[in-house]
């Protein structure tokens, strides 16, 4: 699923949808944007999409 898919399916109407801010195949904590990192460590549940 891509960010475009989440807009088409209107997933943003029920939850916050963001990317991690990095083009790497995966999540490299040193490279991600502050908004993602703050939410990642704050929230009880994080749903992610792999390749």
Protein backbone atom coordinates (compact mmCIF):
# COMPACT_ATOMS: atom_id res chain seq x y z
CA UNK A 1 0.00 0.00 0.00
CA UNK A 2 1.30 3.45 -0.86
CA UNK A 3 0.35 6.87 0.47
CA UNK A 4 -1.74 7.29 -2.70
CA UNK A 5 -3.61 4.09 -1.82
CA UNK A 6 -4.36 5.37 1.69
CA UNK A 7 -5.88 8.53 0.17
CA UNK A 8 -7.95 6.53 -2.33
CA UNK A 9 -9.23 4.25 0.45
CA UNK A 10 -9.76 7.24 2.78
CA UNK A 11 -7.80 5.57 5.56
CA UNK A 12 -6.80 9.04 6.76
CA UNK A 13 -10.41 9.57 7.84
CA UNK A 14 -9.97 7.03 10.66
CA UNK A 15 -6.27 7.34 11.53
CA UNK A 16 -3.17 9.43 10.95
CA UNK A 17 -1.10 8.29 7.96
CA UNK A 18 2.51 9.43 7.55
CA UNK A 19 5.68 8.20 5.92
CA UNK A 20 8.97 7.84 7.76
CA UNK A 21 10.68 10.52 5.68
CA UNK A 22 13.42 8.26 4.31
CA UNK A 23 13.73 6.52 0.93
CA UNK A 24 15.62 3.54 2.35
CA UNK A 25 13.99 0.10 2.05
CA UNK A 26 13.08 -0.10 5.71
CA UNK A 27 13.25 2.24 8.67
CA UNK A 28 16.71 3.41 9.64
CA UNK A 29 16.11 5.29 12.89
CA UNK A 30 18.99 7.70 12.32
CA UNK A 31 17.48 8.82 8.97
CA UNK A 32 13.78 9.22 9.76
CA UNK A 33 12.00 12.54 10.20
CA UNK A 34 11.31 13.89 13.69
CA UNK A 35 7.51 13.63 13.37
CA UNK A 36 7.73 9.89 12.64
CA UNK A 37 10.26 9.25 15.40
CA UNK A 38 8.22 11.16 18.00
CA UNK A 39 5.05 9.22 17.15
CA UNK A 40 6.87 5.88 16.89
CA UNK A 41 8.17 6.13 20.45
CA UNK A 42 4.99 7.71 21.89
CA UNK A 43 2.16 5.52 20.57
CA UNK A 44 1.06 2.16 21.98
CA UNK A 45 0.25 0.73 18.53
CA UNK A 46 2.04 1.46 15.25
CA UNK A 47 0.81 -0.20 12.04
CA UNK A 48 3.45 -0.39 9.37
CA UNK A 49 3.61 -1.59 5.81
CA UNK A 50 6.57 -3.53 4.51
CA UNK A 51 7.72 -4.01 0.96
